[in-house]
Amino acid sequence: MPTLVRLGNIKIQMFADDHNPPHFHVVTPDHEALVSLADLVVLRGAIRASDLRTALEWASENAAFLAGEWSRLND
């Protein structure tokens, strides 16, 4: 699973040939969550609120990049 960015101990990752809906993974040493690209809602998993805030802030600012990576890896 390619790591798209590291934000301290937080990794934003995306699988190739992954299932819909389009999403990314927020991974920390102790937790993982899947987050929808469309609305930045947690689809599955659990993660500390502060880590999720950091990841969602980055994702909001980089939505076009994430959509492009989903297309590159999954279309």
C-alpha atoms as a PDB file:
ATOM      1  CA  MET A   1       0.000   0.000   0.000  1.00  0.00           C
ATOM      2  CA  PRO A   2       1.682   3.228  -1.080  1.00  0.00           C
ATOM      3  CA  THR A   3       2.146   5.855   1.581  1.00  0.00           C
ATOM      4  CA  LEU A   4       1.081   9.143   0.039  1.00  0.00           C
ATOM      5  CA  VAL A   5       2.247  11.348   2.913  1.00  0.00           C
ATOM      6  CA  ARG A   6       3.550  11.136   6.473  1.00  0.00           C
ATOM      7  CA  LEU A   7       2.314  13.632   9.033  1.00  0.00           C
ATOM      8  CA  GLY A   8       4.447  12.857  12.061  1.00  0.00           C
ATOM      9  CA  ASN A   9       3.386   9.364  13.144  1.00  0.00           C
ATOM     10  CA  ILE A  10       0.346   9.443  10.824  1.00  0.00           C
ATOM     11  CA  LYS A  11       0.485   7.837   7.390  1.00  0.00           C
ATOM     12  CA  ILE A  12      -2.036   8.506   4.630  1.00  0.00           C
ATOM     13  CA  GLN A  13      -2.136   5.410   2.422  1.00  0.00           C
ATOM     14  CA  MET A  14      -4.111   4.098  -0.538  1.00  0.00           C
ATOM     15  CA  PHE A  15      -4.343   0.586  -1.998  1.00  0.00           C
ATOM     16  CA  ALA A  16      -4.239  -0.200  -5.721  1.00  0.00           C
ATOM     17  CA  ASP A  17      -7.279  -2.100  -7.023  1.00  0.00           C
ATOM     18  CA  ASP A  18      -9.197  -1.333  -3.825  1.00  0.00           C
ATOM     19  CA  HIS A  19     -12.950  -1.570  -3.258  1.00  0.00           C
ATOM     20  CA  ASN A  20     -15.423   1.288  -3.608  1.00  0.00           C
ATOM     21  CA  PRO A  21     -16.325   3.803  -2.364  1.00  0.00           C
ATOM     22  CA  PRO A  22     -13.136   5.755  -3.056  1.00  0.00           C
ATOM     23  CA  HIS A  23     -11.246   6.129   0.220  1.00  0.00           C
ATOM     24  CA  PHE A  24      -7.862   6.401   1.886  1.00  0.00           C
ATOM     25  CA  HIS A  25      -6.387   4.824   4.980  1.00  0.00           C
ATOM     26  CA  VAL A  26      -5.178   6.818   7.972  1.00  0.00           C
ATOM     27  CA  VAL A  27      -2.628   4.661   9.791  1.00  0.00           C
ATOM     28  CA  THR A  28      -0.875   5.278  13.093  1.00  0.00           C
ATOM     29  CA  PRO A  29       1.239   2.842  15.103  1.00  0.00           C
ATOM     30  CA  ASP A  30      -1.842   1.767  17.109  1.00  0.00           C
ATOM     31  CA  HIS A  31      -4.885   2.483  14.894  1.00  0.00           C
ATOM     32  CA  GLU A  32      -6.261   2.564  11.385  1.00  0.00           C
ATOM     33  CA  ALA A  33      -9.320   4.159   9.814  1.00  0.00           C
ATOM     34  CA  LEU A  34     -10.739   4.229   6.286  1.00  0.00           C
ATOM     35  CA  VAL A  35     -11.953   7.658   5.217  1.00  0.00           C
ATOM     36  CA  SER A  36     -14.249   8.447   2.284  1.00  0.00           C
ATOM     37  CA  LEU A  37     -12.802  10.766  -0.368  1.00  0.00           C
ATOM     38  CA  ALA A  38     -16.231  12.225  -1.131  1.00  0.00           C
ATOM     39  CA  ASP A  39     -17.055  13.623   2.297  1.00  0.00           C
ATOM     40  CA  LEU A  40     -14.094  12.773   4.576  1.00  0.00           C
ATOM     41  CA  VAL A  41     -16.263  10.583   6.806  1.00  0.00           C
ATOM     42  CA  VAL A  42     -14.745   7.600   8.614  1.00  0.00           C
ATOM     43  CA  LEU A  43     -16.102   4.478   6.928  1.00  0.00           C
ATOM     44  CA  ARG A  44     -14.485   1.923   9.209  1.00  0.00           C
ATOM     45  CA  GLY A  45     -11.958   1.685  11.998  1.00  0.00           C
ATOM     46  CA  ALA A  46     -11.040   3.895  14.898  1.00  0.00           C
ATOM     47  CA  ILE A  47      -8.345   6.459  15.476  1.00  0.00           C
ATOM     48  CA  ARG A  48      -7.500   9.101  18.069  1.00  0.00           C
ATOM     49  CA  ALA A  49      -9.475  12.294  17.516  1.00  0.00           C
ATOM     50  CA  SER A  50      -6.355  14.478  17.319  1.00  0.00           C
ATOM     51  CA  ASP A  51      -4.783  12.205  14.683  1.00  0.00           C
ATOM     52  CA  LEU A  52      -8.007  12.166  12.697  1.00  0.00           C
ATOM     53  CA  ARG A  53      -8.222  15.974  12.800  1.00  0.00           C
ATOM     54  CA  THR A  54      -4.662  16.241  11.466  1.00  0.00           C
ATOM     55  CA  ALA A  55      -5.339  13.753   8.677  1.00  0.00           C
ATOM     56  CA  LEU A  56      -8.649  15.323   7.684  1.00  0.00           C
ATOM     57  CA  GLU A  57      -7.166  18.808   7.595  1.00  0.00           C
ATOM     58  CA  TRP A  58      -4.433  17.575   5.247  1.00  0.00           C
ATOM     59  CA  ALA A  59      -6.969  15.631   3.146  1.00  0.00           C
ATOM     60  CA  SER A  60      -9.241  18.645   2.821  1.00  0.00           C
ATOM     61  CA  GLU A  61      -6.344  20.755   1.560  1.00  0.00           C
ATOM     62  CA  ASN A  62      -5.213  17.987  -0.823  1.00  0.00           C
ATOM     63  CA  ALA A  63      -8.539  16.627  -2.108  1.00  0.00           C
ATOM     64  CA  ALA A  64      -7.556  16.932  -5.789  1.00  0.00           C
ATOM     65  CA  PHE A  65      -4.316  15.036  -5.173  1.00  0.00           C
ATOM     66  CA  LEU A  66      -6.170  12.238  -3.349  1.00  0.00           C
ATOM     67  CA  ALA A  67      -8.778  11.957  -6.119  1.00  0.00           C
ATOM     68  CA  GLY A  68      -6.004  11.781  -8.693  1.00  0.00           C
ATOM     69  CA  GLU A  69      -4.193   9.064  -6.784  1.00  0.00           C
ATOM     70  CA  TRP A  70      -7.403   7.049  -6.445  1.00  0.00           C
ATOM     71  CA  SER A  71      -7.915   7.281 -10.205  1.00  0.00           C
ATOM     72  CA  ARG A  72      -4.291   6.364 -10.932  1.00  0.00           C
ATOM     73  CA  LEU A  73      -4.340   3.352  -8.600  1.00  0.00           C
ATOM     74  CA  ASN A  74      -7.882   2.087  -9.165  1.00  0.00           C
ATOM     75  CA  ASP A  75      -9.083   2.892 -12.676  1.00  0.00           C
END
